[in-house]
Amino acid sequence: MKPLLLTPAARLAAAAPSTLSRLLRLQSGRHHAHASSSSNRLLPPLLRPPRDGFRGGRLISSSSSSSSSSSQMAAPADAPGGSADAFEVIRAHQEKAARLPPVEEIRTILDQSVRGVLATHSQGHVGYPSGSMVDFACDQDGSPILAVSSLAIHSKNLSENPKCSLLVAKDPEDRTDTVITVYGDATPTKKKMQYEVHTYEDILRHFGAAEFKEAKVDPISQFSTPITSHMNKDHSDDTKLIVDFAYMLDVDSLGFNVKAGYDGSVLKLRIPFPRRAQDRKDVKTLIVEMLQAAKASSSSAE
């Protein structure tokens, strides 16, 4: 096997735009339609607006480096029932939810990922890309390191044309989630039998290699699996104080992402921590505080 080192090019392709904002707008409309039919149903405590109200703004997609355009989202008037109260609550909450900076999110996703699609220029079908799944791990600079057989088609393709790309999906089963593409020119490094992707200018607005290397992997994300597994297994009943159900997807130092059900609909939400988590133990402390606040809010509302 031949190890390949893919150093991000001068411009790192940004995460693919997510349809999260559009889904939130459409589904939150359904929420209001259901909520309006039952006066006993309360909006989730974490999604309630401040008492003095608020003005809705444009929702920033959690898995895109740029905001979603209004053309991609349904207008409040499209909500069933013609009212957008629940829609406004969810939109305002998600707009203000703390998230990792896009470049840090991408650096973290790449660090935690183990598989992607490597695309090279086919020599057998000239002019067409050749792609296949490859396993990889990132080094301390965030460069993906792959192992490809010297007999593999990719090795032959790269020897003729060094231009390639590596596509990585945060969740391959969820098409609305983040997708990252790293572009570069690969050249063999004889000493270590590696390929190093040299820098080049991308005409699109993406993250530069320097900015990418300076970005840090979120320190809490490495504990995401054990934390989410524990919460989903042992504390699913507690989440019903907030929504019908909530499945915690992942955690970082600023909050966590959940797939939640509310009044028969399912949507993905960003739940921010009251402050940045310092370590794994602190995450537990923050979640306990949030659940206690939710219980208190639910009791006072009743």
C-alpha atoms as a PDB file:
ATOM      1  CA  MET A   1       0.000   0.000   0.000  1.00  0.00           C
ATOM      2  CA  LYS A   2       1.185   3.487  -0.814  1.00  0.00           C
ATOM      3  CA  PRO A   3       0.418   6.243   1.727  1.00  0.00           C
ATOM      4  CA  LEU A   4      -0.876   9.482   0.222  1.00  0.00           C
ATOM      5  CA  LEU A   5      -0.689  12.839   1.979  1.00  0.00           C
ATOM      6  CA  LEU A   6      -3.266  15.301   0.689  1.00  0.00           C
ATOM      7  CA  THR A   7      -2.384  18.783   1.882  1.00  0.00           C
ATOM      8  CA  PRO A   8      -5.333  21.175   1.323  1.00  0.00           C
ATOM      9  CA  ALA A   9      -4.783  23.463  -1.649  1.00  0.00           C
ATOM     10  CA  ALA A  10      -4.545  27.241  -1.494  1.00  0.00           C
ATOM     11  CA  ARG A  11      -8.301  27.355  -1.404  1.00  0.00           C
ATOM     12  CA  LEU A  12     -10.277  24.740   0.485  1.00  0.00           C
ATOM     13  CA  ALA A  13     -13.740  24.168  -0.890  1.00  0.00           C
ATOM     14  CA  ALA A  14     -16.397  25.267   1.552  1.00  0.00           C
ATOM     15  CA  ALA A  15     -19.110  23.026   2.877  1.00  0.00           C
ATOM     16  CA  ALA A  16     -21.942  22.393   0.454  1.00  0.00           C
ATOM     17  CA  PRO A  17     -25.041  24.498   1.192  1.00  0.00           C
ATOM     18  CA  SER A  18     -27.504  22.711   3.414  1.00  0.00           C
ATOM     19  CA  THR A  19     -31.278  22.623   3.042  1.00  0.00           C
ATOM     20  CA  LEU A  20     -31.640  22.859   6.818  1.00  0.00           C
ATOM     21  CA  SER A  21     -33.005  26.396   6.715  1.00  0.00           C
ATOM     22  CA  ARG A  22     -35.625  25.470   4.123  1.00  0.00           C
ATOM     23  CA  LEU A  23     -36.675  22.404   6.092  1.00  0.00           C
ATOM     24  CA  LEU A  24     -36.964  24.430   9.272  1.00  0.00           C
ATOM     25  CA  ARG A  25     -39.201  26.961   7.590  1.00  0.00           C
ATOM     26  CA  LEU A  26     -41.473  24.357   6.049  1.00  0.00           C
ATOM     27  CA  GLN A  27     -41.691  22.096   9.068  1.00  0.00           C
ATOM     28  CA  SER A  28     -42.018  24.863  11.618  1.00  0.00           C
ATOM     29  CA  GLY A  29     -45.134  25.943   9.779  1.00  0.00           C
ATOM     30  CA  ARG A  30     -46.600  22.520  10.421  1.00  0.00           C
ATOM     31  CA  HIS A  31     -45.674  22.892  14.066  1.00  0.00           C
ATOM     32  CA  HIS A  32     -47.778  25.991  14.367  1.00  0.00           C
ATOM     33  CA  ALA A  33     -50.689  24.359  12.605  1.00  0.00           C
ATOM     34  CA  HIS A  34     -50.664  21.556  15.162  1.00  0.00           C
ATOM     35  CA  ALA A  35     -49.983  23.827  18.126  1.00  0.00           C
ATOM     36  CA  SER A  36     -52.857  26.116  17.224  1.00  0.00           C
ATOM     37  CA  SER A  37     -55.261  23.197  17.400  1.00  0.00           C
ATOM     38  CA  SER A  38     -54.371  22.413  20.994  1.00  0.00           C
ATOM     39  CA  SER A  39     -54.176  25.166  23.574  1.00  0.00           C
ATOM     40  CA  ASN A  40     -52.443  22.827  26.018  1.00  0.00           C
ATOM     41  CA  ARG A  41     -49.412  22.327  23.770  1.00  0.00           C
ATOM     42  CA  LEU A  42     -46.505  24.560  24.702  1.00  0.00           C
ATOM     43  CA  LEU A  43     -43.577  25.555  22.577  1.00  0.00           C
ATOM     44  CA  PRO A  44     -40.318  23.919  23.680  1.00  0.00           C
ATOM     45  CA  PRO A  45     -38.805  25.952  26.561  1.00  0.00           C
ATOM     46  CA  LEU A  46     -35.499  26.281  24.698  1.00  0.00           C
ATOM     47  CA  LEU A  47     -37.312  27.677  21.669  1.00  0.00           C
ATOM     48  CA  ARG A  48     -39.556  30.210  23.368  1.00  0.00           C
ATOM     49  CA  PRO A  49     -39.119  33.865  22.349  1.00  0.00           C
ATOM     50  CA  PRO A  50     -38.173  36.551  24.873  1.00  0.00           C
ATOM     51  CA  ARG A  51     -41.137  38.143  26.636  1.00  0.00           C
ATOM     52  CA  ASP A  52     -40.717  41.446  24.823  1.00  0.00           C
ATOM     53  CA  GLY A  53     -40.837  39.692  21.462  1.00  0.00           C
ATOM     54  CA  PHE A  54     -38.362  39.786  18.600  1.00  0.00           C
ATOM     55  CA  ARG A  55     -38.073  40.455  14.930  1.00  0.00           C
ATOM     56  CA  GLY A  56     -37.290  37.550  12.648  1.00  0.00           C
ATOM     57  CA  GLY A  57     -34.157  37.627  10.529  1.00  0.00           C
ATOM     58  CA  ARG A  58     -32.489  35.468   7.938  1.00  0.00           C
ATOM     59  CA  LEU A  59     -31.646  31.982   9.172  1.00  0.00           C
ATOM     60  CA  ILE A  60     -28.007  30.952   8.871  1.00  0.00           C
ATOM     61  CA  SER A  61     -27.584  27.314   7.889  1.00  0.00           C
ATOM     62  CA  SER A  62     -25.554  25.383  10.448  1.00  0.00           C
ATOM     63  CA  SER A  63     -23.755  23.333   7.820  1.00  0.00           C
ATOM     64  CA  SER A  64     -22.897  25.990   5.292  1.00  0.00           C
ATOM     65  CA  SER A  65     -20.237  28.659   5.288  1.00  0.00           C
ATOM     66  CA  SER A  66     -22.711  31.170   3.948  1.00  0.00           C
ATOM     67  CA  SER A  67     -26.311  32.023   4.657  1.00  0.00           C
ATOM     68  CA  SER A  68     -29.034  30.361   2.644  1.00  0.00           C
ATOM     69  CA  SER A  69     -30.738  32.575   0.117  1.00  0.00           C
ATOM     70  CA  SER A  70     -34.345  33.504   0.615  1.00  0.00           C
ATOM     71  CA  SER A  71     -35.241  31.735  -2.613  1.00  0.00           C
ATOM     72  CA  GLN A  72     -34.348  28.431  -0.987  1.00  0.00           C
ATOM     73  CA  MET A  73     -36.734  28.906   1.911  1.00  0.00           C
ATOM     74  CA  ALA A  74     -40.487  28.973   2.169  1.00  0.00           C
ATOM     75  CA  ALA A  75     -41.948  32.260   3.318  1.00  0.00           C
ATOM     76  CA  PRO A  76     -43.818  32.441   6.631  1.00  0.00           C
ATOM     77  CA  ALA A  77     -47.038  32.964   4.693  1.00  0.00           C
ATOM     78  CA  ASP A  78     -46.591  29.489   3.231  1.00  0.00           C
ATOM     79  CA  ALA A  79     -47.079  27.939   6.652  1.00  0.00           C
ATOM     80  CA  PRO A  80     -50.304  25.974   7.096  1.00  0.00           C
ATOM     81  CA  GLY A  81     -52.910  28.055   8.836  1.00  0.00           C
ATOM     82  CA  GLY A  82     -51.427  31.333   7.566  1.00  0.00           C
ATOM     83  CA  SER A  83     -49.701  32.177  10.870  1.00  0.00           C
ATOM     84  CA  ALA A  84     -45.977  32.036  11.496  1.00  0.00           C
ATOM     85  CA  ASP A  85     -45.612  32.337  15.271  1.00  0.00           C
ATOM     86  CA  ALA A  86     -43.966  28.938  15.737  1.00  0.00           C
ATOM     87  CA  PHE A  87     -41.949  29.487  12.595  1.00  0.00           C
ATOM     88  CA  GLU A  88     -40.629  32.782  13.937  1.00  0.00           C
ATOM     89  CA  VAL A  89     -39.685  31.213  17.275  1.00  0.00           C
ATOM     90  CA  ILE A  90     -37.670  28.424  15.673  1.00  0.00           C
ATOM     91  CA  ARG A  91     -36.074  30.709  13.113  1.00  0.00           C
ATOM     92  CA  ALA A  92     -35.032  33.272  15.706  1.00  0.00           C
ATOM     93  CA  HIS A  93     -33.649  30.586  18.004  1.00  0.00           C
ATOM     94  CA  GLN A  94     -31.587  28.960  15.254  1.00  0.00           C
ATOM     95  CA  GLU A  95     -30.310  32.293  13.974  1.00  0.00           C
ATOM     96  CA  LYS A  96     -28.839  33.136  17.370  1.00  0.00           C
ATOM     97  CA  ALA A  97     -27.583  29.642  18.253  1.00  0.00           C
ATOM     98  CA  ALA A  98     -23.819  29.575  18.821  1.00  0.00           C
ATOM     99  CA  ARG A  99     -21.901  27.470  16.302  1.00  0.00           C
ATOM    100  CA  LEU A 100     -18.291  26.745  15.491  1.00  0.00           C
ATOM    101  CA  PRO A 101     -16.758  29.028  12.850  1.00  0.00           C
ATOM    102  CA  PRO A 102     -17.141  27.319   9.431  1.00  0.00           C
ATOM    103  CA  VAL A 103     -13.419  26.697   8.991  1.00  0.00           C
ATOM    104  CA  GLU A 104     -13.183  25.106  12.465  1.00  0.00           C
ATOM    105  CA  GLU A 105     -16.249  22.995  11.757  1.00  0.00           C
ATOM    106  CA  ILE A 106     -14.680  21.719   8.536  1.00  0.00           C
ATOM    107  CA  ARG A 107     -11.337  21.064  10.227  1.00  0.00           C
ATOM    108  CA  THR A 108     -13.144  19.127  12.973  1.00  0.00           C
ATOM    109  CA  ILE A 109     -15.256  17.099  10.549  1.00  0.00           C
ATOM    110  CA  LEU A 110     -12.197  16.086   8.525  1.00  0.00           C
ATOM    111  CA  ASP A 111     -10.336  15.147  11.701  1.00  0.00           C
ATOM    112  CA  GLN A 112     -13.157  12.834  12.802  1.00  0.00           C
ATOM    113  CA  SER A 113     -13.884  11.341   9.383  1.00  0.00           C
ATOM    114  CA  VAL A 114     -12.355   8.069   8.219  1.00  0.00           C
ATOM    115  CA  ARG A 115     -13.702   7.700   4.681  1.00  0.00           C
ATOM    116  CA  GLY A 116     -14.163   9.832   1.594  1.00  0.00           C
ATOM    117  CA  VAL A 117     -14.384   9.734  -2.181  1.00  0.00           C
ATOM    118  CA  LEU A 118     -11.080  10.281  -3.996  1.00  0.00           C
ATOM    119  CA  ALA A 119     -11.551  11.470  -7.578  1.00  0.00           C
ATOM    120  CA  THR A 120      -8.764  11.376 -10.169  1.00  0.00           C
ATOM    121  CA  HIS A 121      -8.679  11.842 -13.948  1.00  0.00           C
ATOM    122  CA  SER A 122      -9.364   8.519 -15.638  1.00  0.00           C
ATOM    123  CA  GLN A 123      -6.775   7.327 -18.125  1.00  0.00           C
ATOM    124  CA  GLY A 124      -9.063   4.586 -19.413  1.00  0.00           C
ATOM    125  CA  HIS A 125     -11.955   6.979 -20.053  1.00  0.00           C
ATOM    126  CA  VAL A 126     -10.167  10.168 -21.052  1.00  0.00           C
ATOM    127  CA  GLY A 127     -11.856  13.350 -19.918  1.00  0.00           C
ATOM    128  CA  TYR A 128     -13.930  11.679 -17.228  1.00  0.00           C
ATOM    129  CA  PRO A 129     -13.323  11.575 -13.467  1.00  0.00           C
ATOM    130  CA  SER A 130     -12.694   8.294 -11.694  1.00  0.00           C
ATOM    131  CA  GLY A 131     -13.886   8.132  -8.104  1.00  0.00           C
ATOM    132  CA  SER A 132     -13.902   5.527  -5.370  1.00  0.00           C
ATOM    133  CA  MET A 133     -14.148   5.284  -1.607  1.00  0.00           C
ATOM    134  CA  VAL A 134     -10.873   5.482   0.310  1.00  0.00           C
ATOM    135  CA  ASP A 135     -10.045   5.362   4.009  1.00  0.00           C
ATOM    136  CA  PHE A 136      -8.044   8.213   5.489  1.00  0.00           C
ATOM    137  CA  ALA A 137      -6.913   9.904   8.678  1.00  0.00           C
ATOM    138  CA  CYS A 138      -5.727  13.470   9.189  1.00  0.00           C
ATOM    139  CA  ASP A 139      -2.321  14.514  10.452  1.00  0.00           C
ATOM    140  CA  GLN A 140      -1.758  17.325  12.959  1.00  0.00           C
ATOM    141  CA  ASP A 141      -2.008  19.925  10.197  1.00  0.00           C
ATOM    142  CA  GLY A 142      -5.345  18.602   9.009  1.00  0.00           C
ATOM    143  CA  SER A 143      -3.958  16.973   5.880  1.00  0.00           C
ATOM    144  CA  PRO A 144      -5.767  13.734   4.924  1.00  0.00           C
ATOM    145  CA  ILE A 145      -3.448  10.719   4.778  1.00  0.00           C
ATOM    146  CA  LEU A 146      -4.631   7.854   2.574  1.00  0.00           C
ATOM    147  CA  ALA A 147      -3.300   4.412   1.695  1.00  0.00           C
ATOM    148  CA  VAL A 148      -3.680   3.459  -1.967  1.00  0.00           C
ATOM    149  CA  SER A 149      -2.188   0.416  -3.639  1.00  0.00           C
ATOM    150  CA  SER A 150       0.510   1.108  -6.207  1.00  0.00           C
ATOM    151  CA  LEU A 151      -1.536  -1.148  -8.502  1.00  0.00           C
ATOM    152  CA  ALA A 152      -4.734   0.855  -7.984  1.00  0.00           C
ATOM    153  CA  ILE A 153      -6.248   2.874 -10.796  1.00  0.00           C
ATOM    154  CA  HIS A 154      -5.856   6.033  -8.710  1.00  0.00           C
ATOM    155  CA  SER A 155      -2.074   5.594  -8.615  1.00  0.00           C
ATOM    156  CA  LYS A 156      -1.943   5.224 -12.390  1.00  0.00           C
ATOM    157  CA  ASN A 157      -4.231   8.199 -12.904  1.00  0.00           C
ATOM    158  CA  LEU A 158      -2.221  10.437 -10.574  1.00  0.00           C
ATOM    159  CA  SER A 159       1.029   9.533 -12.302  1.00  0.00           C
ATOM    160  CA  GLU A 160      -0.427  10.950 -15.527  1.00  0.00           C
ATOM    161  CA  ASN A 161      -2.472  13.813 -14.111  1.00  0.00           C
ATOM    162  CA  PRO A 162      -1.871  14.936 -10.515  1.00  0.00           C
ATOM    163  CA  LYS A 163      -5.097  16.936 -10.190  1.00  0.00           C
ATOM    164  CA  CYS A 164      -7.509  15.294  -7.742  1.00  0.00           C
ATOM    165  CA  SER A 165     -10.138  15.925  -5.109  1.00  0.00           C
ATOM    166  CA  LEU A 166     -11.318  14.309  -1.894  1.00  0.00           C
ATOM    167  CA  LEU A 167     -14.992  14.552  -0.980  1.00  0.00           C
ATOM    168  CA  VAL A 168     -16.014  13.935   2.636  1.00  0.00           C
ATOM    169  CA  ALA A 169     -19.569  13.894   4.001  1.00  0.00           C
ATOM    170  CA  LYS A 170     -20.235  14.494   7.680  1.00  0.00           C
ATOM    171  CA  ASP A 171     -23.168  12.077   7.497  1.00  0.00           C
ATOM    172  CA  PRO A 172     -23.338  10.112   4.224  1.00  0.00           C
ATOM    173  CA  GLU A 173     -26.914   9.099   5.043  1.00  0.00           C
ATOM    174  CA  ASP A 174     -28.120  12.693   5.428  1.00  0.00           C
ATOM    175  CA  ARG A 175     -28.053  14.731   2.235  1.00  0.00           C
ATOM    176  CA  THR A 176     -28.832  17.951   4.142  1.00  0.00           C
ATOM    177  CA  ASP A 177     -25.652  17.739   6.205  1.00  0.00           C
ATOM    178  CA  THR A 178     -22.196  19.141   5.520  1.00  0.00           C
ATOM    179  CA  VAL A 179     -20.201  17.955   2.512  1.00  0.00           C
ATOM    180  CA  ILE A 180     -16.559  19.016   2.092  1.00  0.00           C
ATOM    181  CA  THR A 181     -14.369  18.860  -1.017  1.00  0.00           C
ATOM    182  CA  VAL A 182     -10.595  19.293  -0.886  1.00  0.00           C
ATOM    183  CA  TYR A 183      -8.890  20.042  -4.237  1.00  0.00           C
ATOM    184  CA  GLY A 184      -5.213  19.823  -5.084  1.00  0.00           C
ATOM    185  CA  ASP A 185      -2.367  18.673  -7.343  1.00  0.00           C
ATOM    186  CA  ALA A 186      -0.731  15.441  -6.181  1.00  0.00           C
ATOM    187  CA  THR A 187       2.946  14.690  -6.704  1.00  0.00           C
ATOM    188  CA  PRO A 188       4.831  11.653  -5.382  1.00  0.00           C
ATOM    189  CA  THR A 189       7.332  12.154  -2.594  1.00  0.00           C
ATOM    190  CA  LYS A 190       9.858   9.391  -3.170  1.00  0.00           C
ATOM    191  CA  LYS A 191      11.390   9.429   0.304  1.00  0.00           C
ATOM    192  CA  LYS A 192       8.181   8.598   2.150  1.00  0.00           C
ATOM    193  CA  MET A 193       6.191   7.285  -0.807  1.00  0.00           C
ATOM    194  CA  GLN A 194       3.631  10.017  -0.319  1.00  0.00           C
ATOM    195  CA  TYR A 195       1.703  12.373  -2.530  1.00  0.00           C
ATOM    196  CA  GLU A 196       1.617  15.990  -1.484  1.00  0.00           C
ATOM    197  CA  VAL A 197      -1.039  18.269  -2.848  1.00  0.00           C
ATOM    198  CA  HIS A 198       0.514  21.597  -3.838  1.00  0.00           C
ATOM    199  CA  THR A 199      -1.265  24.885  -3.463  1.00  0.00           C
ATOM    200  CA  TYR A 200      -3.129  26.587  -6.270  1.00  0.00           C
ATOM    201  CA  GLU A 201      -5.613  29.423  -6.596  1.00  0.00           C
ATOM    202  CA  ASP A 202      -9.306  28.677  -6.708  1.00  0.00           C
ATOM    203  CA  ILE A 203     -11.451  31.293  -8.404  1.00  0.00           C
ATOM    204  CA  LEU A 204     -14.266  30.706  -5.937  1.00  0.00           C
ATOM    205  CA  ARG A 205     -14.548  32.160  -2.446  1.00  0.00           C
ATOM    206  CA  HIS A 206     -13.377  29.377  -0.168  1.00  0.00           C
ATOM    207  CA  PHE A 207     -11.110  28.957   2.825  1.00  0.00           C
ATOM    208  CA  GLY A 208      -7.410  29.357   2.183  1.00  0.00           C
ATOM    209  CA  ALA A 209      -4.925  26.648   3.138  1.00  0.00           C
ATOM    210  CA  ALA A 210      -3.273  28.991   5.641  1.00  0.00           C
ATOM    211  CA  GLU A 211      -6.577  29.726   7.358  1.00  0.00           C
ATOM    212  CA  PHE A 212      -7.388  26.022   7.375  1.00  0.00           C
ATOM    213  CA  LYS A 213      -4.072  25.087   8.996  1.00  0.00           C
ATOM    214  CA  GLU A 214      -4.481  27.778  11.640  1.00  0.00           C
ATOM    215  CA  ALA A 215      -7.946  26.515  12.563  1.00  0.00           C
ATOM    216  CA  LYS A 216      -8.110  24.200  15.560  1.00  0.00           C
ATOM    217  CA  VAL A 217      -9.998  20.946  15.913  1.00  0.00           C
ATOM    218  CA  ASP A 218     -12.763  21.443  18.476  1.00  0.00           C
ATOM    219  CA  PRO A 219     -11.513  19.799  21.714  1.00  0.00           C
ATOM    220  CA  ILE A 220     -14.948  18.589  22.828  1.00  0.00           C
ATOM    221  CA  SER A 221     -15.913  16.909  19.555  1.00  0.00           C
ATOM    222  CA  GLN A 222     -13.705  13.901  20.305  1.00  0.00           C
ATOM    223  CA  PHE A 223     -16.138  12.981  23.095  1.00  0.00           C
ATOM    224  CA  SER A 224     -19.193  13.358  20.879  1.00  0.00           C
ATOM    225  CA  THR A 225     -19.907   9.627  20.495  1.00  0.00           C
ATOM    226  CA  PRO A 226     -19.846   8.638  24.202  1.00  0.00           C
ATOM    227  CA  ILE A 227     -21.773  11.755  25.246  1.00  0.00           C
ATOM    228  CA  THR A 228     -24.511  11.378  22.641  1.00  0.00           C
ATOM    229  CA  SER A 229     -24.776   7.627  23.255  1.00  0.00           C
ATOM    230  CA  HIS A 230     -25.239   8.210  26.982  1.00  0.00           C
ATOM    231  CA  MET A 231     -27.833  10.939  26.504  1.00  0.00           C
ATOM    232  CA  ASN A 232     -29.804   9.020  23.876  1.00  0.00           C
ATOM    233  CA  LYS A 233     -29.792   5.812  25.919  1.00  0.00           C
ATOM    234  CA  ASP A 234     -30.253   7.006  29.491  1.00  0.00           C
ATOM    235  CA  HIS A 235     -31.908  10.414  29.262  1.00  0.00           C
ATOM    236  CA  SER A 236     -34.388  10.198  26.414  1.00  0.00           C
ATOM    237  CA  ASP A 237     -37.263  10.814  28.845  1.00  0.00           C
ATOM    238  CA  ASP A 238     -35.712  14.107  29.948  1.00  0.00           C
ATOM    239  CA  THR A 239     -35.746  15.456  26.408  1.00  0.00           C
ATOM    240  CA  LYS A 240     -39.535  15.090  26.317  1.00  0.00           C
ATOM    241  CA  LEU A 241     -39.650  18.149  28.558  1.00  0.00           C
ATOM    242  CA  ILE A 242     -38.394  20.089  25.562  1.00  0.00           C
ATOM    243  CA  VAL A 243     -39.777  18.274  22.513  1.00  0.00           C
ATOM    244  CA  ASP A 244     -41.699  15.088  21.664  1.00  0.00           C
ATOM    245  CA  PHE A 245     -38.370  13.328  21.223  1.00  0.00           C
ATOM    246  CA  ALA A 246     -34.798  14.352  20.565  1.00  0.00           C
ATOM    247  CA  TYR A 247     -31.910  12.279  19.276  1.00  0.00           C
ATOM    248  CA  MET A 248     -28.577  13.929  19.988  1.00  0.00           C
ATOM    249  CA  LEU A 249     -26.380  13.805  16.881  1.00  0.00           C
ATOM    250  CA  ASP A 250     -23.071  15.377  17.902  1.00  0.00           C
ATOM    251  CA  VAL A 251     -21.485  17.713  20.429  1.00  0.00           C
ATOM    252  CA  ASP A 252     -18.857  20.445  20.332  1.00  0.00           C
ATOM    253  CA  SER A 253     -17.664  23.079  22.766  1.00  0.00           C
ATOM    254  CA  LEU A 254     -20.440  25.536  21.867  1.00  0.00           C
ATOM    255  CA  GLY A 255     -23.441  23.217  21.915  1.00  0.00           C
ATOM    256  CA  PHE A 256     -24.982  20.191  20.276  1.00  0.00           C
ATOM    257  CA  ASN A 257     -27.121  19.229  17.278  1.00  0.00           C
ATOM    258  CA  VAL A 258     -30.278  17.193  17.648  1.00  0.00           C
ATOM    259  CA  LYS A 259     -32.893  15.578  15.469  1.00  0.00           C
ATOM    260  CA  ALA A 260     -36.100  16.524  17.212  1.00  0.00           C
ATOM    261  CA  GLY A 261     -39.778  15.743  16.889  1.00  0.00           C
ATOM    262  CA  TYR A 262     -42.423  18.338  17.644  1.00  0.00           C
ATOM    263  CA  ASP A 263     -46.140  17.892  16.996  1.00  0.00           C
ATOM    264  CA  GLY A 264     -45.602  15.080  14.530  1.00  0.00           C
ATOM    265  CA  SER A 265     -42.805  16.693  12.517  1.00  0.00           C
ATOM    266  CA  VAL A 266     -39.066  16.015  12.559  1.00  0.00           C
ATOM    267  CA  LEU A 267     -36.341  18.638  12.156  1.00  0.00           C
ATOM    268  CA  LYS A 268     -32.696  19.198  12.988  1.00  0.00           C
ATOM    269  CA  LEU A 269     -31.898  21.869  15.539  1.00  0.00           C
ATOM    270  CA  ARG A 270     -28.829  23.493  17.003  1.00  0.00           C
ATOM    271  CA  ILE A 271     -28.956  23.789  20.814  1.00  0.00           C
ATOM    272  CA  PRO A 272     -26.259  26.140  22.145  1.00  0.00           C
ATOM    273  CA  PHE A 273     -24.686  25.874  25.580  1.00  0.00           C
ATOM    274  CA  PRO A 274     -25.075  28.867  27.929  1.00  0.00           C
ATOM    275  CA  ARG A 275     -21.294  29.223  27.638  1.00  0.00           C
ATOM    276  CA  ARG A 276     -18.373  27.420  26.005  1.00  0.00           C
ATOM    277  CA  ALA A 277     -17.665  23.988  27.501  1.00  0.00           C
ATOM    278  CA  GLN A 278     -14.139  23.639  28.876  1.00  0.00           C
ATOM    279  CA  ASP A 279     -13.884  19.847  28.929  1.00  0.00           C
ATOM    280  CA  ARG A 280     -15.956  16.659  28.868  1.00  0.00           C
ATOM    281  CA  LYS A 281     -16.982  17.005  32.523  1.00  0.00           C
ATOM    282  CA  ASP A 282     -18.106  20.550  31.873  1.00  0.00           C
ATOM    283  CA  VAL A 283     -20.362  19.336  29.060  1.00  0.00           C
ATOM    284  CA  LYS A 284     -22.229  17.171  31.564  1.00  0.00           C
ATOM    285  CA  THR A 285     -22.548  20.117  33.931  1.00  0.00           C
ATOM    286  CA  LEU A 286     -23.977  22.331  31.200  1.00  0.00           C
ATOM    287  CA  ILE A 287     -26.466  19.729  29.979  1.00  0.00           C
ATOM    288  CA  VAL A 288     -27.697  19.108  33.532  1.00  0.00           C
ATOM    289  CA  GLU A 289     -28.158  22.859  34.016  1.00  0.00           C
ATOM    290  CA  MET A 290     -30.104  23.110  30.763  1.00  0.00           C
ATOM    291  CA  LEU A 291     -32.383  20.197  31.658  1.00  0.00           C
ATOM    292  CA  GLN A 292     -33.040  21.670  35.102  1.00  0.00           C
ATOM    293  CA  ALA A 293     -33.909  25.001  33.491  1.00  0.00           C
ATOM    294  CA  ALA A 294     -36.235  23.215  31.069  1.00  0.00           C
ATOM    295  CA  LYS A 295     -37.973  21.430  33.956  1.00  0.00           C
ATOM    296  CA  ALA A 296     -38.382  24.689  35.855  1.00  0.00           C
ATOM    297  CA  SER A 297     -39.717  26.450  32.772  1.00  0.00           C
ATOM    298  CA  SER A 298     -42.149  23.623  32.065  1.00  0.00           C
ATOM    299  CA  SER A 299     -43.418  23.637  35.675  1.00  0.00           C
ATOM    300  CA  SER A 300     -43.935  27.404  35.753  1.00  0.00           C
ATOM    301  CA  ALA A 301     -45.759  27.304  32.416  1.00  0.00           C
ATOM    302  CA  GLU A 302     -48.210  24.743  33.767  1.00  0.00           C
END
